[in-house]
Protein backbone atom coordinates (compact mmCIF):
# COMPACT_ATOMS: atom_id res chain seq x y z
CA MET A 1 130.31 62.82 109.34
CA LYS A 2 133.31 64.08 111.23
CA ARG A 3 133.62 62.92 114.85
CA SER A 4 133.77 66.53 116.11
CA LEU A 5 130.52 67.40 114.34
CA PHE A 6 128.84 64.24 115.69
CA LYS A 7 129.81 65.23 119.24
CA ALA A 8 128.52 68.75 118.67
CA LEU A 9 125.18 67.42 117.45
CA LEU A 10 124.85 65.18 120.49
CA ALA A 11 125.66 68.15 122.70
CA GLY A 12 122.81 69.96 120.98
CA SER A 13 120.37 67.47 122.63
CA LEU A 14 119.53 65.42 119.57
CA VAL A 15 119.66 62.23 121.62
CA ALA A 16 116.26 62.70 123.20
CA GLY A 17 114.67 63.30 119.80
CA PHE A 18 116.21 60.26 118.16
CA LEU A 19 115.58 57.87 121.07
CA SER A 20 111.97 58.78 121.77
CA ALA A 21 109.18 56.21 121.41
CA PRO A 22 109.12 54.97 117.81
CA VAL A 23 106.41 56.18 115.48
CA SER A 24 106.00 54.58 112.07
CA ALA A 25 106.96 56.65 109.04
CA GLY A 26 103.53 56.07 107.52
CA GLU A 27 101.78 57.29 110.66
CA GLN A 28 103.91 60.45 110.75
CA ILE A 29 103.22 61.22 107.11
CA GLU A 30 99.47 60.70 107.46
CA THR A 31 99.49 63.00 110.51
CA PHE A 32 101.42 65.57 108.49
CA LYS A 33 98.86 65.38 105.67
CA SER A 34 95.88 65.78 107.98
CA THR A 35 97.33 68.69 109.94
CA LEU A 36 99.09 70.50 107.06
CA SER A 37 98.67 74.25 107.25
CA THR A 38 97.60 76.04 104.10
CA VAL A 39 98.78 79.54 103.22
CA SER A 40 96.09 82.15 102.76
CA GLN A 41 96.53 85.50 101.08
CA ASP A 42 95.95 87.14 104.46
CA MET A 43 98.88 85.16 105.91
CA LEU A 44 101.12 86.23 103.04
CA ASN A 45 100.04 89.85 103.49
CA LYS A 46 100.86 89.80 107.22
CA ALA A 47 104.08 87.78 106.98
CA SER A 48 106.24 90.66 108.22
CA LYS A 49 104.62 90.30 111.67
CA ASP A 50 104.76 86.49 111.75
CA ALA A 51 107.52 85.13 114.01
CA ASN A 52 106.34 81.53 113.64
CA ASN A 53 106.39 80.96 109.90
CA TRP A 54 108.73 81.94 107.06
CA LEU A 55 106.21 82.32 104.23
CA HIS A 56 108.25 84.07 101.52
CA VAL A 57 111.84 83.29 100.52
CA ASN A 58 112.71 86.86 101.52
CA GLY A 59 110.38 86.95 104.51
CA ASN A 60 107.55 89.08 103.16
CA TYR A 61 106.41 91.06 100.12
CA SER A 62 108.83 93.85 101.07
CA ASN A 63 111.75 91.42 100.63
CA ASN A 64 113.41 92.82 103.76
CA ARG A 65 114.46 89.45 105.25
CA PHE A 66 113.60 90.76 108.74
CA SER A 67 111.94 88.63 111.41
CA PRO A 68 110.16 90.00 114.49
CA ALA A 69 111.36 86.97 116.50
CA THR A 70 113.34 87.83 119.65
CA GLN A 71 113.82 84.56 121.55
CA ILE A 72 117.29 84.26 120.04
CA ASN A 73 118.92 87.62 120.64
CA ALA A 74 122.22 89.43 121.03
CA GLY A 75 122.33 88.47 124.70
CA ASN A 76 122.02 84.71 124.28
CA VAL A 77 123.02 83.87 120.70
CA GLY A 78 126.39 82.69 121.96
CA GLN A 79 124.60 79.60 123.33
CA LEU A 80 123.18 78.58 119.93
CA LYS A 81 123.60 74.86 119.14
CA PRO A 82 122.71 72.60 116.20
CA ALA A 83 119.23 71.14 116.65
CA TYR A 84 119.63 68.83 113.64
CA VAL A 85 121.21 68.57 110.20
CA PHE A 86 119.12 67.49 107.22
CA GLN A 87 121.12 65.92 104.41
CA THR A 88 119.75 65.93 100.87
CA ALA A 89 120.51 63.51 98.04
CA VAL A 90 122.21 66.20 95.94
CA LEU A 91 125.86 67.08 96.58
CA GLU A 92 126.01 70.40 94.75
CA SER A 93 125.72 74.14 95.35
CA MET A 94 122.79 75.19 97.54
CA GLU A 95 121.19 78.63 97.33
CA THR A 96 117.77 77.72 98.74
CA ALA A 97 115.90 79.84 101.27
CA PRO A 98 113.45 77.34 102.81
CA LEU A 99 109.83 78.13 103.54
CA VAL A 100 108.41 77.10 106.93
CA VAL A 101 104.64 76.75 107.25
CA GLY A 102 103.01 75.42 110.40
CA GLY A 103 106.09 73.48 111.47
CA VAL A 104 106.82 72.05 108.00
CA MET A 105 109.91 73.10 106.06
CA TYR A 106 109.99 73.11 102.24
CA LEU A 107 113.46 73.31 100.76
CA THR A 108 115.03 72.87 97.34
CA THR A 109 118.37 71.76 95.93
CA SER A 110 120.27 72.07 92.69
CA TYR A 111 118.63 70.19 89.80
CA ASN A 112 115.14 70.94 91.17
CA HIS A 113 114.65 68.52 94.02
CA VAL A 114 112.10 69.58 96.67
CA TYR A 115 111.85 68.22 100.22
CA ALA A 116 109.14 68.54 102.86
CA ILE A 117 110.45 67.88 106.38
CA ASP A 118 109.48 68.38 110.00
CA ALA A 119 110.96 71.80 110.75
CA ALA A 120 111.68 70.91 114.40
CA THR A 121 113.25 67.47 113.94
CA GLY A 122 114.32 67.07 110.30
CA LYS A 123 112.02 64.09 109.71
CA GLU A 124 111.44 63.74 105.94
CA TYR A 125 107.83 63.67 104.73
CA TRP A 126 108.36 63.55 100.97
CA HIS A 127 110.97 64.17 98.27
CA TYR A 128 110.17 65.36 94.73
CA THR A 129 112.63 65.10 91.83
CA HIS A 130 111.82 67.10 88.71
CA LYS A 131 111.93 65.12 85.47
CA MET A 132 114.30 67.37 83.57
CA GLY A 133 113.78 67.87 79.85
CA PRO A 134 116.49 66.96 77.31
CA ILE A 135 117.84 70.53 77.08
CA THR A 136 119.04 72.74 79.92
CA THR A 137 121.09 75.88 79.34
CA TYR A 138 122.06 77.86 82.40
CA CYS A 139 124.68 80.16 83.82
CA CYS A 140 126.45 79.97 87.16
CA GLY A 141 125.41 76.55 88.42
CA PRO A 142 122.33 74.27 88.48
CA ASN A 143 120.89 76.13 91.44
CA ASN A 144 117.39 76.64 92.74
CA ARG A 145 116.61 79.41 95.20
CA GLY A 146 113.34 78.16 96.64
CA VAL A 147 109.61 77.72 96.24
CA ALA A 148 106.53 79.86 96.82
CA MET A 149 103.40 78.56 98.55
CA TYR A 150 99.74 79.54 98.15
CA GLY A 151 96.89 77.50 99.58
CA ASP A 152 98.19 73.92 99.62
CA THR A 153 100.33 74.34 96.50
CA LEU A 154 104.06 74.90 96.05
CA PHE A 155 105.46 76.64 92.96
CA MET A 156 108.96 76.16 91.56
CA GLY A 157 110.83 77.32 88.47
CA THR A 158 113.08 74.73 86.81
CA LEU A 159 116.35 74.59 84.93
CA ASP A 160 114.50 73.50 81.79
CA ALA A 161 112.43 76.72 81.98
CA LYS A 162 109.18 75.35 83.39
CA LEU A 163 106.89 76.46 86.22
CA VAL A 164 105.76 73.47 88.29
CA ALA A 165 102.92 73.36 90.82
CA LEU A 166 103.23 70.66 93.52
CA ASP A 167 100.76 69.37 96.09
CA ALA A 168 102.25 70.43 99.44
CA LYS A 169 100.86 67.27 101.10
CA THR A 170 102.43 64.74 98.75
CA GLY A 171 104.88 66.44 96.39
CA GLU A 172 102.81 65.26 93.42
CA VAL A 173 102.64 67.47 90.34
CA LYS A 174 99.35 69.38 89.97
CA TRP A 175 100.35 71.11 86.73
CA GLU A 176 103.36 72.39 84.89
CA THR A 177 103.80 74.92 82.10
CA GLN A 178 106.65 75.82 79.77
CA ILE A 179 107.80 79.37 80.50
CA ALA A 180 110.30 79.74 77.64
CA ASP A 181 112.55 77.72 75.33
CA PRO A 182 115.67 76.31 77.07
CA GLU A 183 117.31 75.77 73.66
CA LEU A 184 117.43 79.57 73.33
CA GLY A 185 119.20 79.99 76.67
CA TYR A 186 116.26 80.41 79.07
CA SER A 187 116.30 78.78 82.51
CA GLU A 188 114.85 79.31 85.98
CA THR A 189 116.72 79.41 89.27
CA MET A 190 114.79 82.20 91.01
CA ALA A 191 112.09 81.61 93.60
CA PRO A 192 108.70 82.84 92.39
CA THR A 193 106.24 84.78 94.50
CA VAL A 194 102.44 84.51 94.64
CA VAL A 195 100.04 87.43 95.05
CA ASP A 196 96.25 87.27 94.77
CA GLY A 197 96.37 84.06 92.81
CA LYS A 198 99.13 85.24 90.46
CA VAL A 199 102.47 83.42 90.36
CA LEU A 200 105.19 85.93 89.39
CA ILE A 201 108.43 84.65 87.87
CA GLY A 202 111.25 86.11 85.77
CA THR A 203 113.98 84.41 83.77
CA ASN A 204 117.71 83.71 83.67
CA GLY A 205 119.68 83.85 80.45
CA GLY A 206 121.37 87.24 80.17
CA GLU A 207 124.53 85.48 79.00
CA TYR A 208 122.75 83.72 76.12
CA GLY A 209 121.03 86.44 74.11
CA ILE A 210 117.56 85.89 75.56
CA ARG A 211 114.86 88.56 75.87
CA GLY A 212 114.17 89.05 79.56
CA PHE A 213 110.73 89.13 81.14
CA VAL A 214 108.53 88.87 84.21
CA LYS A 215 105.40 86.76 83.76
CA ALA A 216 102.27 86.22 85.85
CA TYR A 217 100.53 82.83 85.82
CA ASP A 218 97.21 81.74 87.29
CA ALA A 219 97.97 79.76 90.45
CA GLU A 220 95.08 77.33 89.89
CA SER A 221 95.48 76.55 86.21
CA GLY A 222 98.98 77.63 85.16
CA ASP A 223 97.52 79.87 82.44
CA LEU A 224 99.55 82.95 81.49
CA LEU A 225 97.90 86.15 82.75
CA TRP A 226 100.40 88.78 81.63
CA ASN A 227 103.95 89.24 80.37
CA PHE A 228 106.30 92.21 80.72
CA ASN A 229 109.40 92.18 78.52
CA SER A 230 112.42 93.71 80.24
CA THR A 231 113.84 94.73 76.83
CA PRO A 232 111.21 96.88 75.06
CA GLU A 233 110.94 97.14 71.29
CA ASN A 234 112.46 100.62 71.56
CA SER A 235 115.46 99.85 73.76
CA VAL A 236 117.60 102.84 72.68
CA GLY A 237 116.75 105.24 75.52
CA VAL A 238 118.24 108.71 75.89
CA TRP A 239 121.88 108.00 74.97
CA ALA A 240 122.98 108.50 78.58
CA THR A 241 126.68 109.33 78.91
CA HIS A 242 126.92 109.06 82.71
CA ASP A 243 125.90 106.37 85.19
CA ALA A 244 123.37 106.89 88.00
CA THR A 245 126.11 108.30 90.25
CA GLY A 246 127.14 110.92 87.64
CA ARG A 247 130.34 109.33 86.32
CA ASP A 248 131.30 109.40 82.63
CA MET A 249 131.03 105.93 81.03
CA HIS A 250 133.15 106.85 77.99
CA ARG A 251 130.53 105.93 75.41
CA ASP A 252 131.11 106.67 71.73
CA ILE A 253 127.61 107.90 70.98
CA ALA A 254 128.33 108.73 67.33
CA ALA A 255 129.57 105.18 66.68
CA GLU A 256 126.55 103.71 68.44
CA LYS A 257 124.12 105.81 66.38
CA ALA A 258 125.84 104.70 63.19
CA ALA A 259 125.57 101.06 64.31
CA LEU A 260 121.88 101.52 65.10
CA GLY A 261 121.27 102.77 61.58
CA LYS A 262 122.89 99.64 60.14
CA MET A 263 121.67 96.96 62.58
CA GLY A 264 118.41 98.26 63.97
CA ASP A 265 117.25 97.86 67.55
CA PRO A 266 118.77 94.73 69.20
CA TYR A 267 115.92 94.19 71.71
CA ARG A 268 115.14 90.59 70.65
CA THR A 269 118.49 89.24 71.92
CA LEU A 270 119.35 91.98 74.41
CA GLY A 271 119.32 89.95 77.64
CA GLY A 272 117.95 91.71 80.69
CA GLY A 273 117.33 88.56 82.72
CA VAL A 274 115.34 88.88 85.95
CA TRP A 275 117.25 86.66 88.38
CA MET A 276 115.64 87.29 91.75
CA THR A 277 112.24 87.47 93.45
CA PRO A 278 110.36 90.77 92.96
CA ALA A 279 109.06 92.94 95.80
CA VAL A 280 105.35 93.80 95.87
CA ASP A 281 103.65 96.94 97.21
CA LEU A 282 100.13 95.79 98.02
CA ALA A 283 98.86 99.33 98.65
CA THR A 284 99.74 100.59 95.18
CA ARG A 285 99.46 97.21 93.40
CA THR A 286 103.03 97.55 92.13
CA VAL A 287 105.69 94.93 91.39
CA PHE A 288 109.35 96.00 91.69
CA PHE A 289 112.19 94.01 90.12
CA VAL A 290 115.69 94.52 88.77
CA ALA A 291 116.81 93.50 85.27
CA GLY A 292 120.32 92.24 84.63
CA ASN A 293 123.06 92.74 82.06
CA PRO A 294 122.62 93.19 78.32
CA SER A 295 123.74 90.51 75.83
CA PRO A 296 126.48 90.07 74.85
CA ASP A 297 127.92 91.05 78.22
CA LEU A 298 131.12 92.85 77.21
CA ASP A 299 130.66 93.76 73.54
CA GLY A 300 128.62 96.93 73.16
CA SER A 301 129.44 97.42 69.46
CA ILE A 302 126.53 95.25 68.32
CA ARG A 303 123.91 96.53 70.76
CA PRO A 304 123.78 100.33 70.33
CA GLY A 305 121.74 102.49 72.69
CA ASP A 306 121.07 102.53 76.42
CA ASN A 307 119.83 98.91 76.17
CA LEU A 308 116.64 99.46 78.15
CA TYR A 309 115.67 98.14 80.67
CA THR A 310 118.90 96.27 81.41
CA ASN A 311 120.73 97.19 84.62
CA SER A 312 117.57 98.90 85.87
CA MET A 313 115.04 98.93 88.66
CA VAL A 314 111.60 98.52 87.04
CA ALA A 315 108.08 99.02 88.42
CA VAL A 316 105.01 97.46 86.76
CA SER A 317 101.33 96.97 87.60
CA LEU A 318 100.55 93.85 89.62
CA ASP A 319 97.17 93.56 87.90
CA THR A 320 98.17 93.97 84.24
CA GLY A 321 101.98 94.05 84.00
CA ALA A 322 101.80 97.55 82.54
CA TYR A 323 104.97 99.68 82.77
CA LYS A 324 105.05 102.31 85.55
CA TRP A 325 108.68 103.50 85.68
CA HIS A 326 112.29 102.47 85.43
CA SER A 327 115.59 103.80 86.75
CA GLN A 328 118.75 102.68 84.94
CA TYR A 329 121.98 102.37 86.92
CA ILE A 330 124.37 101.75 84.01
CA ALA A 331 123.31 102.42 80.45
CA HIS A 332 124.95 100.32 77.72
CA ASP A 333 126.80 98.24 80.34
CA VAL A 334 130.00 96.56 79.07
CA TRP A 335 131.28 95.34 82.47
CA ASP A 336 128.63 92.75 83.43
CA LEU A 337 127.65 94.83 86.45
CA ASP A 338 124.01 93.81 86.20
CA ALA A 339 121.31 94.67 88.71
CA VAL A 340 120.46 91.39 90.40
CA SER A 341 120.11 91.54 94.22
CA PRO A 342 116.35 91.75 94.92
CA PRO A 343 114.72 95.12 95.69
CA ILE A 344 113.59 95.90 99.25
CA LEU A 345 110.66 98.14 100.18
CA VAL A 346 111.47 100.51 103.06
CA ASP A 347 110.45 103.87 104.46
CA ALA A 348 113.32 106.31 103.96
CA MET A 349 114.10 109.98 104.20
CA ASP A 350 113.87 111.96 100.96
CA ALA A 351 116.13 114.87 100.02
CA ASN A 352 113.98 117.24 102.10
CA GLY A 353 114.14 115.11 105.24
CA LYS A 354 110.61 113.72 104.84
CA MET A 355 109.97 110.00 105.38
CA ILE A 356 108.46 108.47 102.24
CA PRO A 357 107.84 105.00 100.79
CA ALA A 358 111.10 103.99 99.11
CA VAL A 359 112.66 101.00 97.39
CA ILE A 360 116.35 100.10 97.66
CA HIS A 361 118.77 97.93 95.70
CA GLY A 362 122.31 96.73 96.42
CA GLY A 363 124.30 97.01 93.19
CA LYS A 364 127.32 95.23 91.78
CA THR A 365 128.86 98.71 91.67
CA GLY A 366 129.09 98.52 95.46
CA HIS A 367 126.42 101.15 96.17
CA VAL A 368 123.05 100.81 97.88
CA TYR A 369 120.61 102.85 95.79
CA VAL A 370 117.56 104.48 97.41
CA HIS A 371 114.60 105.36 95.14
CA ASP A 372 111.29 107.14 95.58
CA ARG A 373 108.85 104.24 95.32
CA ALA A 374 106.21 106.30 93.49
CA THR A 375 108.40 107.74 90.73
CA GLY A 376 111.65 105.77 90.67
CA LYS A 377 113.66 108.94 91.22
CA LEU A 378 117.04 108.18 92.78
CA ILE A 379 117.11 109.89 96.17
CA ARG A 380 120.65 108.91 97.14
CA PHE A 381 123.29 106.24 96.77
CA SER A 382 125.50 104.96 99.55
CA GLU A 383 129.19 105.27 100.05
CA ALA A 384 131.03 102.61 98.06
CA MET A 385 131.15 99.38 100.04
CA VAL A 386 134.06 97.98 97.98
CA PRO A 387 137.05 99.53 96.18
CA GLN A 388 136.26 101.26 92.89
CA GLU A 389 139.17 101.79 90.52
CA ASN A 390 139.38 102.88 86.87
CA MET A 391 135.61 103.26 86.52
CA TRP A 392 134.54 103.17 83.69
CA VAL A 393 137.55 101.92 81.69
CA LEU A 394 136.37 100.22 78.51
CA PRO A 395 137.23 96.53 77.91
CA THR A 396 140.03 95.88 75.41
CA LYS A 397 141.26 92.84 73.50
CA GLU A 398 144.34 92.66 75.76
CA GLY A 399 142.34 93.26 78.93
CA ALA A 400 141.60 96.37 81.00
CA ARG A 401 141.60 96.36 84.81
CA MET A 402 138.52 97.86 86.44
CA LEU A 403 137.02 97.50 89.92
CA PRO A 404 134.68 96.21 91.12
CA GLY A 405 134.92 92.99 89.11
CA ALA A 406 132.04 91.32 87.33
CA ASN A 407 130.76 89.62 90.51
CA GLY A 408 130.26 92.87 92.43
CA GLY A 409 129.80 94.76 94.73
CA VAL A 410 126.65 92.96 95.72
CA GLU A 411 125.95 89.87 93.60
CA TRP A 412 122.55 88.13 93.57
CA SER A 413 122.80 87.83 97.36
CA PRO A 414 119.63 89.24 99.01
CA MET A 415 120.30 92.06 101.46
CA ALA A 416 118.38 92.38 104.72
CA TYR A 417 116.87 95.56 106.16
CA SER A 418 116.00 96.16 109.80
CA PRO A 419 113.29 98.75 110.56
CA ASN A 420 114.66 98.77 114.11
CA THR A 421 118.06 100.16 113.06
CA GLY A 422 117.25 101.72 109.68
CA TYR A 423 120.23 99.85 108.23
CA SER A 424 120.47 97.66 105.16
CA TYR A 425 122.91 94.75 105.48
CA ALA A 426 124.79 93.70 102.35
CA MET A 427 127.29 90.96 101.49
CA ASN A 428 130.15 92.29 99.37
CA LEU A 429 132.71 90.82 97.00
CA HIS A 430 136.14 92.24 96.14
CA GLN A 431 137.55 90.41 93.10
CA PRO A 432 139.95 92.43 90.94
CA MET A 433 139.42 91.58 87.27
CA THR A 434 140.47 92.46 83.77
CA TYR A 435 137.89 92.87 81.01
CA HIS A 436 138.58 91.50 77.54
CA VAL A 437 136.33 92.20 74.52
CA GLU A 438 136.03 90.00 71.45
CA SER A 439 133.11 90.58 69.11
CA SER A 440 131.06 87.63 67.87
CA PRO A 441 127.60 87.30 66.28
CA TYR A 442 124.54 85.96 68.10
CA PRO A 443 125.17 82.20 68.51
CA GLY A 444 121.56 81.03 68.80
CA GLY A 445 121.13 80.26 72.49
CA LYS A 446 124.79 79.48 73.24
CA LEU A 447 126.99 81.36 75.71
CA TRP A 448 127.51 84.90 74.38
CA LEU A 449 129.81 87.00 76.55
CA GLY A 450 131.46 89.01 73.79
CA GLY A 451 134.80 88.47 75.49
CA ALA A 452 135.84 87.47 78.99
CA PHE A 453 136.36 88.81 82.50
CA LYS A 454 139.29 87.29 84.32
CA ALA A 455 140.13 87.38 88.03
CA ILE A 456 143.68 88.62 88.67
CA ALA A 457 145.31 85.69 90.44
CA GLU A 458 148.05 87.69 92.15
CA GLU A 459 145.62 90.19 93.74
CA GLU A 460 143.88 89.50 97.04
CA GLN A 461 140.19 88.64 97.03
CA TRP A 462 137.99 89.23 100.07
CA GLY A 463 134.53 90.23 101.24
CA ASN A 464 132.61 92.45 103.61
CA LEU A 465 129.40 92.44 105.57
CA THR A 466 128.33 96.08 105.44
CA ALA A 467 125.62 98.02 107.27
CA VAL A 468 124.37 101.15 105.49
CA ASP A 469 122.06 103.82 106.95
CA VAL A 470 119.49 104.19 104.16
CA ASN A 471 118.55 107.68 105.38
CA THR A 472 122.06 109.06 104.89
CA GLY A 473 123.86 106.60 102.61
CA LYS A 474 126.67 106.36 105.18
CA ILE A 475 128.36 103.07 106.09
CA THR A 476 127.69 102.58 109.80
CA TRP A 477 129.86 99.48 110.20
CA GLN A 478 131.73 97.01 108.06
CA VAL A 479 133.36 93.65 108.84
CA LYS A 480 135.94 92.19 106.44
CA THR A 481 135.92 88.46 105.63
CA GLU A 482 138.74 86.34 104.27
CA GLN A 483 136.79 85.37 101.13
CA PRO A 484 134.35 87.16 98.79
CA MET A 485 130.81 86.85 100.15
CA ILE A 486 127.83 85.43 98.28
CA GLY A 487 124.59 83.99 99.63
CA GLY A 488 122.23 86.21 101.63
CA VAL A 489 121.53 87.96 104.93
CA LEU A 490 118.91 87.66 107.68
CA ALA A 491 118.11 90.34 110.28
CA THR A 492 115.96 89.85 113.39
CA ALA A 493 114.32 91.93 116.11
CA GLY A 494 116.72 90.20 118.50
CA ASN A 495 119.33 92.76 117.34
CA LEU A 496 121.01 90.11 115.20
CA VAL A 497 122.27 89.70 111.65
CA PHE A 498 123.03 86.19 110.33
CA THR A 499 125.05 85.29 107.26
CA GLY A 500 127.54 82.70 106.04
CA GLU A 501 130.86 82.42 104.22
CA GLY A 502 132.47 80.18 101.63
CA ASN A 503 134.83 78.72 104.25
CA GLY A 504 131.87 77.07 106.03
CA LEU A 505 131.44 79.62 108.80
CA PHE A 506 127.91 80.68 109.73
CA LYS A 507 127.97 83.79 111.92
CA ALA A 508 125.73 86.00 114.03
CA TYR A 509 126.56 89.71 114.27
CA ASP A 510 125.30 92.48 116.51
CA ALA A 511 122.97 94.43 114.22
CA LYS A 512 123.97 97.80 115.68
CA SER A 513 127.74 97.40 115.98
CA GLY A 514 128.80 94.55 113.69
CA ALA A 515 130.47 92.63 116.52
CA VAL A 516 130.67 88.89 115.84
CA LEU A 517 128.67 87.21 118.62
CA TRP A 518 128.67 83.55 117.51
CA GLN A 519 129.91 81.26 114.76
CA PHE A 520 129.69 77.64 113.68
CA ASN A 521 131.56 75.78 110.93
CA CYS A 522 129.15 73.84 108.72
CA GLY A 523 131.84 72.03 106.76
CA ALA A 524 130.85 73.36 103.33
CA GLY A 525 130.26 76.81 101.87
CA VAL A 526 127.37 78.65 103.53
CA ASN A 527 126.23 80.49 100.41
CA ALA A 528 122.46 80.56 100.88
CA PRO A 529 120.10 83.02 102.60
CA PRO A 530 119.28 82.06 106.24
CA VAL A 531 115.73 81.94 107.61
CA THR A 532 114.19 81.81 111.07
CA PHE A 533 110.94 80.39 112.45
CA THR A 534 109.28 79.18 115.66
CA VAL A 535 107.81 75.73 116.37
CA GLY A 536 106.28 74.78 119.70
CA GLY A 537 107.44 78.04 121.25
CA LYS A 538 111.08 77.45 120.25
CA GLN A 539 112.85 79.69 117.75
CA TYR A 540 115.14 78.13 115.14
CA VAL A 541 117.57 79.51 112.56
CA ALA A 542 118.19 77.49 109.40
CA VAL A 543 120.71 77.79 106.57
CA ALA A 544 121.83 75.58 103.68
CA ALA A 545 125.51 74.63 103.38
CA GLY A 546 126.16 73.45 99.85
CA GLY A 547 128.85 75.76 98.52
CA ASN A 548 128.78 77.85 95.36
CA VAL A 549 129.62 77.37 91.68
CA GLN A 550 130.53 80.97 90.81
CA LEU A 551 133.26 81.22 93.42
CA ASN A 552 133.92 77.47 93.60
CA PHE A 553 133.31 77.19 97.33
CA LYS A 554 133.27 73.70 98.85
CA ARG A 555 130.14 71.72 97.99
CA GLY A 556 127.80 70.12 100.51
CA ASN A 557 124.27 68.75 100.75
CA SER A 558 122.96 69.85 104.15
CA VAL A 559 120.58 72.24 105.83
CA PHE A 560 121.74 73.15 109.35
CA VAL A 561 119.10 74.12 111.90
CA PHE A 562 120.09 75.82 115.17
CA ALA A 563 118.30 76.62 118.43
CA LEU A 564 119.05 77.54 122.02
CA PRO A 565 119.64 74.60 124.42
């Protein structure tokens, strides 16, 4: 640890905590077991009003990453200090959003480690390491984005495509089930969610010719309850020639129809991975998720049609998994601009000025899309948050330049939404790229891009934090960062927005103006979604600093937890 960081930690009043009367580790753990809080369905339902716990990776079933906590606010955030730093055993990218339940934090690392620690002090209670199978096939790093909790059980998806249930008291395995075959390119990095005894989880693998899905498992037994395939047997669609914003995508429909006649429907290897945690509308019993790119990513010649439901927002029944509606952003995508950032449930103004239940998504295109929650109809899309150039130039063998690049826009990074401001807050990437196509047959679970996308080394790369008024689609403020942004955003009722950068900076912004009010350098890339919670009347903000594989930001192994002096 650097001397400057050590001094800063001491200044944050760690001394009193570390030098207090000794308590044996065994005694602490037994106390933890006996006082462990369980998570009821009622608690999960009311999480949006809970300033003490952080019960869902995205805060609540709406996925809005908004906390009602106000102790840390725009007036005092400048005094924020480290309360402690918890170091894990895994020095690799960290994308975890910890849960906090009754003063206990549950966090994950790459390669499917799980830790339970005292959320106020960082004292470790237990550490679970998943026994990985012989085959793992995954894109974009060995990440894990968090666990779900229901009762006294934690649920985690694994890189070898399993769903594991752990005892929250001990970290011992209660049950595990195989979700899909990792030899065919399936893996799990997303955090599941639990609703009424159902564990909902999707799948990675859009770069490997998988068939995407969302599945529901019984939380007690691990039995499969329902399955929704994100690439239906009839994936052709309506032969859309324009994207959701009305721009011509330069499709050769005649050539595609001829290919369909020769090859048939490609739905079995069409991709459509579901990377991120769904949102759930409890009133209508509806699950909302986004499905990612088709396979192969850049070669559309061997996957004719609209490639449903890739690059789409999809709504299904919570009870049965039955299809309700979909809205496709880019049909027959050949730019790897998949829909991946998790949906957020909001109330928004429709085209007639009436407030209605809506669902929003931040796209790799650089737009925030606002849909009618009941029908999926696109109400509006925001101003572009990043430069858009040469859309939609088709990939070529030599390489065609088109912006935004394959990382976005908005990557997998969860946005936040504040009901106090009516703004969504999105992390943006600007990475100029060229797109190269090279056709190849399905390789049987191996990487299948159908070409390559290449960052243009001589062009500047950067990022933004952008606030968008969801009722108008207008950008209300935007702050440029020196590097592309990836990770996640947190908004609070204290008029604050928290997010981190690949250079190690963790920052607090004024939610209304975008002014930077505080920052701290964590020493490694802060590329994970922050969370906040309260223990013993004291509010904390926590974030993982482990860097990122996609953008090759500096690796680390720590969770930083901050509080007021």
